[in-house]
Amino acid sequence: MLSRRGHDVNVKRVYRRYRQAHLAVRRLKRKRPQRTAPVNALLTGANQEWGLNFICDGVASGRGIRILTVVDGYTRECPAIEVGG
């Protein structure tokens, strides 16, 4: 606001003056998008929607493994976990 009025200002100097006057610098909060449920996500029973997810991990010997998990969207149960090398 000071620079718009024609004053030559330094950000550090203005911040220091704010702190000396025991004022708080207001920071703008970041706007996050509002997430809504998709229209077709109205599930009425089990086995209507499945979710798949790959997970990578390592064992104590240093070898990596990949895990495929299958999740039912309605019951949130995981009926299958497949492990591969």
PDB file of N, CA and C in Angstrom:
ATOM      1  N   MET A   1       0.831  -1.186   0.000  1.00  0.00           N
ATOM      2  CA  MET A   1       0.000   0.000   0.000  1.00  0.00           C
ATOM      3  C   MET A   1       0.878   1.253   0.000  1.00  0.00           C
ATOM      4  N   LEU A   2       2.004   1.190   0.716  1.00  0.00           N
ATOM      5  CA  LEU A   2       2.912   2.336   0.724  1.00  0.00           C
ATOM      6  C   LEU A   2       3.534   2.561  -0.645  1.00  0.00           C
ATOM      7  N   SER A   3       3.889   1.467  -1.322  1.00  0.00           N
ATOM      8  CA  SER A   3       4.502   1.629  -2.645  1.00  0.00           C
ATOM      9  C   SER A   3       3.496   2.178  -3.650  1.00  0.00           C
ATOM     10  N   ARG A   4       2.213   1.869  -3.489  1.00  0.00           N
ATOM     11  CA  ARG A   4       1.194   2.435  -4.381  1.00  0.00           C
ATOM     12  C   ARG A   4       1.031   3.932  -4.166  1.00  0.00           C
ATOM     13  N   ARG A   5       1.327   4.391  -2.952  1.00  0.00           N
ATOM     14  CA  ARG A   5       1.210   5.823  -2.660  1.00  0.00           C
ATOM     15  C   ARG A   5       2.478   6.589  -3.025  1.00  0.00           C
ATOM     16  N   GLY A   6       3.490   5.882  -3.563  1.00  0.00           N
ATOM     17  CA  GLY A   6       4.690   6.561  -4.029  1.00  0.00           C
ATOM     18  C   GLY A   6       5.869   6.517  -3.089  1.00  0.00           C
ATOM     19  N   HIS A   7       5.764   5.810  -1.979  1.00  0.00           N
ATOM     20  CA  HIS A   7       6.874   5.701  -1.034  1.00  0.00           C
ATOM     21  C   HIS A   7       7.780   4.551  -1.443  1.00  0.00           C
ATOM     22  N   ASP A   8       9.090   4.766  -1.305  1.00  0.00           N
ATOM     23  CA  ASP A   8      10.051   3.707  -1.582  1.00  0.00           C
ATOM     24  C   ASP A   8      10.231   2.917  -0.287  1.00  0.00           C
ATOM     25  N   VAL A   9       9.770   1.666  -0.266  1.00  0.00           N
ATOM     26  CA  VAL A   9       9.769   0.891   0.972  1.00  0.00           C
ATOM     27  C   VAL A   9      10.570  -0.393   0.798  1.00  0.00           C
ATOM     28  N   ASN A  10      11.067  -0.875   1.911  1.00  0.00           N
ATOM     29  CA  ASN A  10      11.764  -2.137   1.985  1.00  0.00           C
ATOM     30  C   ASN A  10      10.908  -3.069   2.836  1.00  0.00           C
ATOM     31  N   VAL A  11      10.665  -4.286   2.376  1.00  0.00           N
ATOM     32  CA  VAL A  11       9.778  -5.213   3.070  1.00  0.00           C
ATOM     33  C   VAL A  11      10.315  -5.535   4.457  1.00  0.00           C
ATOM     34  N   LYS A  12      11.616  -5.727   4.577  1.00  0.00           N
ATOM     35  CA  LYS A  12      12.202  -6.053   5.869  1.00  0.00           C
ATOM     36  C   LYS A  12      12.032  -4.907   6.862  1.00  0.00           C
ATOM     37  N   ARG A  13      12.189  -3.681   6.398  1.00  0.00           N
ATOM     38  CA  ARG A  13      12.057  -2.517   7.269  1.00  0.00           C
ATOM     39  C   ARG A  13      10.618  -2.372   7.759  1.00  0.00           C
ATOM     40  N   VAL A  14       9.669  -2.562   6.860  1.00  0.00           N
ATOM     41  CA  VAL A  14       8.259  -2.466   7.253  1.00  0.00           C
ATOM     42  C   VAL A  14       7.923  -3.561   8.256  1.00  0.00           C
ATOM     43  N   TYR A  15       8.411  -4.766   8.043  1.00  0.00           N
ATOM     44  CA  TYR A  15       8.157  -5.863   8.970  1.00  0.00           C
ATOM     45  C   TYR A  15       8.764  -5.554  10.337  1.00  0.00           C
ATOM     46  N   ARG A  16       9.974  -5.007  10.350  1.00  0.00           N
ATOM     47  CA  ARG A  16      10.622  -4.652  11.619  1.00  0.00           C
ATOM     48  C   ARG A  16       9.822  -3.607  12.379  1.00  0.00           C
ATOM     49  N   ARG A  17       9.295  -2.610  11.670  1.00  0.00           N
ATOM     50  CA  ARG A  17       8.469  -1.576  12.310  1.00  0.00           C
ATOM     51  C   ARG A  17       7.175  -2.170  12.870  1.00  0.00           C
ATOM     52  N   TYR A  18       6.591  -3.101  12.143  1.00  0.00           N
ATOM     53  CA  TYR A  18       5.390  -3.772  12.638  1.00  0.00           C
ATOM     54  C   TYR A  18       5.695  -4.493  13.939  1.00  0.00           C
ATOM     55  N   ARG A  19       6.820  -5.215  13.990  1.00  0.00           N
ATOM     56  CA  ARG A  19       7.170  -5.975  15.179  1.00  0.00           C
ATOM     57  C   ARG A  19       7.474  -5.045  16.358  1.00  0.00           C
ATOM     58  N   GLN A  20       8.093  -3.903  16.101  1.00  0.00           N
ATOM     59  CA  GLN A  20       8.384  -2.949  17.167  1.00  0.00           C
ATOM     60  C   GLN A  20       7.104  -2.365  17.749  1.00  0.00           C
ATOM     61  N   ALA A  21       6.082  -2.200  16.932  1.00  0.00           N
ATOM     62  CA  ALA A  21       4.800  -1.663  17.390  1.00  0.00           C
ATOM     63  C   ALA A  21       3.884  -2.762  17.926  1.00  0.00           C
ATOM     64  N   HIS A  22       4.397  -3.993  18.018  1.00  0.00           N
ATOM     65  CA  HIS A  22       3.640  -5.151  18.511  1.00  0.00           C
ATOM     66  C   HIS A  22       2.379  -5.391  17.674  1.00  0.00           C
ATOM     67  N   LEU A  23       2.521  -5.249  16.391  1.00  0.00           N
ATOM     68  CA  LEU A  23       1.418  -5.527  15.468  1.00  0.00           C
ATOM     69  C   LEU A  23       1.666  -6.867  14.798  1.00  0.00           C
ATOM     70  N   ALA A  24       0.618  -7.499  14.355  1.00  0.00           N
ATOM     71  CA  ALA A  24       0.727  -8.769  13.660  1.00  0.00           C
ATOM     72  C   ALA A  24       0.535  -8.533  12.167  1.00  0.00           C
ATOM     73  N   VAL A  25       1.383  -9.126  11.382  1.00  0.00           N
ATOM     74  CA  VAL A  25       1.247  -9.021   9.932  1.00  0.00           C
ATOM     75  C   VAL A  25       0.195 -10.021   9.509  1.00  0.00           C
ATOM     76  N   ARG A  26      -0.853  -9.527   8.888  1.00  0.00           N
ATOM     77  CA  ARG A  26      -1.930 -10.407   8.449  1.00  0.00           C
ATOM     78  C   ARG A  26      -1.519 -11.107   7.174  1.00  0.00           C
ATOM     79  N   ARG A  27      -1.650 -12.394   7.177  1.00  0.00           N
ATOM     80  CA  ARG A  27      -1.334 -13.183   5.996  1.00  0.00           C
ATOM     81  C   ARG A  27      -2.628 -13.719   5.414  1.00  0.00           C
ATOM     82  N   LEU A  28      -2.698 -13.707   4.093  1.00  0.00           N
ATOM     83  CA  LEU A  28      -3.887 -14.200   3.430  1.00  0.00           C
ATOM     84  C   LEU A  28      -3.908 -15.720   3.480  1.00  0.00           C
ATOM     85  N   LYS A  29      -5.073 -16.269   3.791  1.00  0.00           N
ATOM     86  CA  LYS A  29      -5.203 -17.719   3.798  1.00  0.00           C
ATOM     87  C   LYS A  29      -5.375 -18.210   2.371  1.00  0.00           C
ATOM     88  N   ARG A  30      -4.774 -19.336   2.103  1.00  0.00           N
ATOM     89  CA  ARG A  30      -4.838 -19.908   0.765  1.00  0.00           C
ATOM     90  C   ARG A  30      -6.207 -20.527   0.534  1.00  0.00           C
ATOM     91  N   LYS A  31      -6.808 -20.218  -0.575  1.00  0.00           N
ATOM     92  CA  LYS A  31      -8.118 -20.768  -0.883  1.00  0.00           C
ATOM     93  C   LYS A  31      -7.944 -22.178  -1.426  1.00  0.00           C
ATOM     94  N   ARG A  32      -8.712 -23.100  -0.885  1.00  0.00           N
ATOM     95  CA  ARG A  32      -8.655 -24.478  -1.327  1.00  0.00           C
ATOM     96  C   ARG A  32      -9.939 -24.803  -2.065  1.00  0.00           C
ATOM     97  N   PRO A  33      -9.833 -25.589  -3.101  1.00  0.00           N
ATOM     98  CA  PRO A  33     -11.051 -25.920  -3.855  1.00  0.00           C
ATOM     99  C   PRO A  33     -12.002 -26.771  -3.013  1.00  0.00           C
ATOM    100  N   GLN A  34     -13.270 -26.490  -3.163  1.00  0.00           N
ATOM    101  CA  GLN A  34     -14.289 -27.269  -2.473  1.00  0.00           C
ATOM    102  C   GLN A  34     -14.502 -28.569  -3.232  1.00  0.00           C
ATOM    103  N   ARG A  35     -14.394 -29.662  -2.547  1.00  0.00           N
ATOM    104  CA  ARG A  35     -14.571 -30.958  -3.194  1.00  0.00           C
ATOM    105  C   ARG A  35     -15.954 -31.487  -2.874  1.00  0.00           C
ATOM    106  N   THR A  36     -16.664 -31.841  -3.910  1.00  0.00           N
ATOM    107  CA  THR A  36     -17.990 -32.407  -3.740  1.00  0.00           C
ATOM    108  C   THR A  36     -17.979 -33.845  -4.235  1.00  0.00           C
ATOM    109  N   ALA A  37     -18.895 -34.623  -3.731  1.00  0.00           N
ATOM    110  CA  ALA A  37     -18.992 -36.021  -4.150  1.00  0.00           C
ATOM    111  C   ALA A  37     -19.536 -36.076  -5.572  1.00  0.00           C
ATOM    112  N   PRO A  38     -18.974 -36.935  -6.409  1.00  0.00           N
ATOM    113  CA  PRO A  38     -19.498 -37.059  -7.762  1.00  0.00           C
ATOM    114  C   PRO A  38     -20.949 -37.556  -7.750  1.00  0.00           C
ATOM    115  N   VAL A  39     -21.671 -37.219  -8.798  1.00  0.00           N
ATOM    116  CA  VAL A  39     -23.086 -37.573  -8.876  1.00  0.00           C
ATOM    117  C   VAL A  39     -23.274 -39.080  -8.894  1.00  0.00           C
ATOM    118  N   ASN A  40     -22.381 -39.803  -9.572  1.00  0.00           N
ATOM    119  CA  ASN A  40     -22.550 -41.247  -9.686  1.00  0.00           C
ATOM    120  C   ASN A  40     -22.021 -42.015  -8.476  1.00  0.00           C
ATOM    121  N   ALA A  41     -21.625 -41.333  -7.401  1.00  0.00           N
ATOM    122  CA  ALA A  41     -21.080 -42.009  -6.227  1.00  0.00           C
ATOM    123  C   ALA A  41     -22.159 -42.350  -5.205  1.00  0.00           C
ATOM    124  N   LEU A  42     -23.408 -42.331  -5.585  1.00  0.00           N
ATOM    125  CA  LEU A  42     -24.478 -42.685  -4.668  1.00  0.00           C
ATOM    126  C   LEU A  42     -24.636 -44.206  -4.690  1.00  0.00           C
ATOM    127  N   LEU A  43     -23.888 -44.867  -3.841  1.00  0.00           N
ATOM    128  CA  LEU A  43     -23.881 -46.327  -3.809  1.00  0.00           C
ATOM    129  C   LEU A  43     -24.963 -46.814  -2.864  1.00  0.00           C
ATOM    130  N   THR A  44     -25.663 -47.858  -3.266  1.00  0.00           N
ATOM    131  CA  THR A  44     -26.745 -48.399  -2.441  1.00  0.00           C
ATOM    132  C   THR A  44     -26.432 -49.781  -1.891  1.00  0.00           C
ATOM    133  N   GLY A  45     -25.372 -50.412  -2.349  1.00  0.00           N
ATOM    134  CA  GLY A  45     -25.039 -51.738  -1.863  1.00  0.00           C
ATOM    135  C   GLY A  45     -23.610 -52.110  -2.204  1.00  0.00           C
ATOM    136  N   ALA A  46     -23.204 -53.254  -1.680  1.00  0.00           N
ATOM    137  CA  ALA A  46     -21.844 -53.741  -1.903  1.00  0.00           C
ATOM    138  C   ALA A  46     -21.652 -54.163  -3.352  1.00  0.00           C
ATOM    139  N   ASN A  47     -20.403 -54.222  -3.776  1.00  0.00           N
ATOM    140  CA  ASN A  47     -19.981 -54.682  -5.100  1.00  0.00           C
ATOM    141  C   ASN A  47     -20.460 -53.797  -6.248  1.00  0.00           C
ATOM    142  N   GLN A  48     -20.722 -52.523  -6.000  1.00  0.00           N
ATOM    143  CA  GLN A  48     -21.095 -51.605  -7.061  1.00  0.00           C
ATOM    144  C   GLN A  48     -19.887 -50.807  -7.553  1.00  0.00           C
ATOM    145  N   GLU A  49     -18.935 -50.570  -6.699  1.00  0.00           N
ATOM    146  CA  GLU A  49     -17.751 -49.787  -7.059  1.00  0.00           C
ATOM    147  C   GLU A  49     -16.541 -50.390  -6.360  1.00  0.00           C
ATOM    148  N   TRP A  50     -15.459 -50.519  -7.133  1.00  0.00           N
ATOM    149  CA  TRP A  50     -14.227 -51.065  -6.603  1.00  0.00           C
ATOM    150  C   TRP A  50     -13.114 -50.047  -6.783  1.00  0.00           C
ATOM    151  N   GLY A  51     -12.225 -50.011  -5.824  1.00  0.00           N
ATOM    152  CA  GLY A  51     -11.053 -49.151  -5.923  1.00  0.00           C
ATOM    153  C   GLY A  51      -9.793 -49.990  -5.912  1.00  0.00           C
ATOM    154  N   LEU A  52      -8.854 -49.660  -6.792  1.00  0.00           N
ATOM    155  CA  LEU A  52      -7.577 -50.373  -6.865  1.00  0.00           C
ATOM    156  C   LEU A  52      -6.459 -49.415  -6.484  1.00  0.00           C
ATOM    157  N   ASN A  53      -5.459 -49.926  -5.787  1.00  0.00           N
ATOM    158  CA  ASN A  53      -4.353 -49.082  -5.369  1.00  0.00           C
ATOM    159  C   ASN A  53      -3.075 -49.922  -5.341  1.00  0.00           C
ATOM    160  N   PHE A  54      -2.008 -49.379  -5.929  1.00  0.00           N
ATOM    161  CA  PHE A  54      -0.701 -50.019  -5.858  1.00  0.00           C
ATOM    162  C   PHE A  54       0.110 -49.364  -4.754  1.00  0.00           C
ATOM    163  N   ILE A  55       0.736 -50.188  -3.930  1.00  0.00           N
ATOM    164  CA  ILE A  55       1.587 -49.704  -2.846  1.00  0.00           C
ATOM    165  C   ILE A  55       2.966 -50.310  -3.045  1.00  0.00           C
ATOM    166  N   CYS A  56       3.997 -49.487  -2.965  1.00  0.00           N
ATOM    167  CA  CYS A  56       5.379 -49.965  -3.070  1.00  0.00           C
ATOM    168  C   CYS A  56       6.038 -49.846  -1.705  1.00  0.00           C
ATOM    169  N   ASP A  57       6.767 -50.878  -1.321  1.00  0.00           N
ATOM    170  CA  ASP A  57       7.436 -50.879  -0.029  1.00  0.00           C
ATOM    171  C   ASP A  57       8.723 -51.683  -0.158  1.00  0.00           C
ATOM    172  N   GLY A  58       9.524 -51.661   0.866  1.00  0.00           N
ATOM    173  CA  GLY A  58      10.769 -52.414   0.880  1.00  0.00           C
ATOM    174  C   GLY A  58      10.834 -53.296   2.107  1.00  0.00           C
ATOM    175  N   VAL A  59      11.475 -54.435   1.966  1.00  0.00           N
ATOM    176  CA  VAL A  59      11.644 -55.357   3.089  1.00  0.00           C
ATOM    177  C   VAL A  59      13.008 -55.136   3.717  1.00  0.00           C
ATOM    178  N   ALA A  60      13.277 -55.813   4.820  1.00  0.00           N
ATOM    179  CA  ALA A  60      14.517 -55.608   5.580  1.00  0.00           C
ATOM    180  C   ALA A  60      15.760 -55.926   4.760  1.00  0.00           C
ATOM    181  N   SER A  61      15.652 -56.842   3.814  1.00  0.00           N
ATOM    182  CA  SER A  61      16.816 -57.206   3.005  1.00  0.00           C
ATOM    183  C   SER A  61      17.117 -56.166   1.919  1.00  0.00           C
ATOM    184  N   GLY A  62      16.248 -55.195   1.773  1.00  0.00           N
ATOM    185  CA  GLY A  62      16.465 -54.161   0.761  1.00  0.00           C
ATOM    186  C   GLY A  62      15.699 -54.395  -0.521  1.00  0.00           C
ATOM    187  N   ARG A  63      15.063 -55.534  -0.629  1.00  0.00           N
ATOM    188  CA  ARG A  63      14.304 -55.869  -1.832  1.00  0.00           C
ATOM    189  C   ARG A  63      12.972 -55.126  -1.815  1.00  0.00           C
ATOM    190  N   GLY A  64      12.554 -54.631  -2.967  1.00  0.00           N
ATOM    191  CA  GLY A  64      11.293 -53.923  -3.060  1.00  0.00           C
ATOM    192  C   GLY A  64      10.143 -54.836  -3.417  1.00  0.00           C
ATOM    193  N   ILE A  65       8.979 -54.540  -2.894  1.00  0.00           N
ATOM    194  CA  ILE A  65       7.780 -55.309  -3.221  1.00  0.00           C
ATOM    195  C   ILE A  65       6.674 -54.349  -3.629  1.00  0.00           C
ATOM    196  N   ARG A  66       5.757 -54.848  -4.439  1.00  0.00           N
ATOM    197  CA  ARG A  66       4.578 -54.086  -4.838  1.00  0.00           C
ATOM    198  C   ARG A  66       3.343 -54.825  -4.360  1.00  0.00           C
ATOM    199  N   ILE A  67       2.385 -54.064  -3.855  1.00  0.00           N
ATOM    200  CA  ILE A  67       1.168 -54.645  -3.302  1.00  0.00           C
ATOM    201  C   ILE A  67      -0.027 -54.018  -4.013  1.00  0.00           C
ATOM    202  N   LEU A  68      -0.928 -54.867  -4.507  1.00  0.00           N
ATOM    203  CA  LEU A  68      -2.167 -54.408  -5.119  1.00  0.00           C
ATOM    204  C   LEU A  68      -3.292 -54.635  -4.121  1.00  0.00           C
ATOM    205  N   THR A  69      -3.989 -53.561  -3.744  1.00  0.00           N
ATOM    206  CA  THR A  69      -5.119 -53.683  -2.835  1.00  0.00           C
ATOM    207  C   THR A  69      -6.403 -53.386  -3.599  1.00  0.00           C
ATOM    208  N   VAL A  70      -7.431 -54.143  -3.301  1.00  0.00           N
ATOM    209  CA  VAL A  70      -8.749 -53.963  -3.895  1.00  0.00           C
ATOM    210  C   VAL A  70      -9.708 -53.619  -2.765  1.00  0.00           C
ATOM    211  N   VAL A  71     -10.440 -52.497  -2.902  1.00  0.00           N
ATOM    212  CA  VAL A  71     -11.329 -52.022  -1.848  1.00  0.00           C
ATOM    213  C   VAL A  71     -12.727 -51.846  -2.415  1.00  0.00           C
ATOM    214  N   ASP A  72     -13.728 -52.347  -1.682  1.00  0.00           N
ATOM    215  CA  ASP A  72     -15.118 -52.139  -2.056  1.00  0.00           C
ATOM    216  C   ASP A  72     -15.513 -50.724  -1.639  1.00  0.00           C
ATOM    217  N   GLY A  73     -16.107 -49.960  -2.551  1.00  0.00           N
ATOM    218  CA  GLY A  73     -16.442 -48.566  -2.278  1.00  0.00           C
ATOM    219  C   GLY A  73     -17.564 -48.375  -1.285  1.00  0.00           C
ATOM    220  N   TYR A  74     -18.447 -49.336  -1.151  1.00  0.00           N
ATOM    221  CA  TYR A  74     -19.599 -49.197  -0.252  1.00  0.00           C
ATOM    222  C   TYR A  74     -19.276 -49.666   1.164  1.00  0.00           C
ATOM    223  N   THR A  75     -18.700 -50.851   1.290  1.00  0.00           N
ATOM    224  CA  THR A  75     -18.437 -51.420   2.618  1.00  0.00           C
ATOM    225  C   THR A  75     -17.065 -51.045   3.159  1.00  0.00           C
ATOM    226  N   ARG A  76     -16.187 -50.523   2.310  1.00  0.00           N
ATOM    227  CA  ARG A  76     -14.804 -50.179   2.678  1.00  0.00           C
ATOM    228  C   ARG A  76     -14.013 -51.398   3.134  1.00  0.00           C
ATOM    229  N   GLU A  77     -14.427 -52.566   2.719  1.00  0.00           N
ATOM    230  CA  GLU A  77     -13.692 -53.783   3.016  1.00  0.00           C
ATOM    231  C   GLU A  77     -12.646 -54.032   1.945  1.00  0.00           C
ATOM    232  N   CYS A  78     -11.605 -54.729   2.320  1.00  0.00           N
ATOM    233  CA  CYS A  78     -10.536 -55.058   1.384  1.00  0.00           C
ATOM    234  C   CYS A  78     -10.543 -56.572   1.168  1.00  0.00           C
ATOM    235  N   PRO A  79     -11.266 -57.053   0.171  1.00  0.00           N
ATOM    236  CA  PRO A  79     -11.382 -58.505  -0.009  1.00  0.00           C
ATOM    237  C   PRO A  79     -10.139 -59.153  -0.628  1.00  0.00           C
ATOM    238  N   ALA A  80      -9.246 -58.376  -1.223  1.00  0.00           N
ATOM    239  CA  ALA A  80      -8.081 -58.986  -1.861  1.00  0.00           C
ATOM    240  C   ALA A  80      -6.857 -58.086  -1.727  1.00  0.00           C
ATOM    241  N   ILE A  81      -5.739 -58.716  -1.375  1.00  0.00           N
ATOM    242  CA  ILE A  81      -4.434 -58.063  -1.358  1.00  0.00           C
ATOM    243  C   ILE A  81      -3.475 -59.006  -2.068  1.00  0.00           C
ATOM    244  N   GLU A  82      -2.917 -58.570  -3.172  1.00  0.00           N
ATOM    245  CA  GLU A  82      -1.979 -59.378  -3.946  1.00  0.00           C
ATOM    246  C   GLU A  82      -0.589 -58.774  -3.811  1.00  0.00           C
ATOM    247  N   VAL A  83       0.399 -59.592  -3.452  1.00  0.00           N
ATOM    248  CA  VAL A  83       1.767 -59.143  -3.279  1.00  0.00           C
ATOM    249  C   VAL A  83       2.604 -59.721  -4.401  1.00  0.00           C
ATOM    250  N   GLY A  84       3.424 -58.878  -5.014  1.00  0.00           N
ATOM    251  CA  GLY A  84       4.305 -59.324  -6.096  1.00  0.00           C
ATOM    252  C   GLY A  84       5.677 -58.700  -5.931  1.00  0.00           C
ATOM    253  N   GLY A  85       6.641 -59.253  -6.626  1.00  0.00           N
ATOM    254  CA  GLY A  85       8.015 -58.775  -6.525  1.00  0.00           C
ATOM    255  C   GLY A  85       8.310 -57.791  -7.533  1.00  0.00           C
TER     256      GLY A  85
END
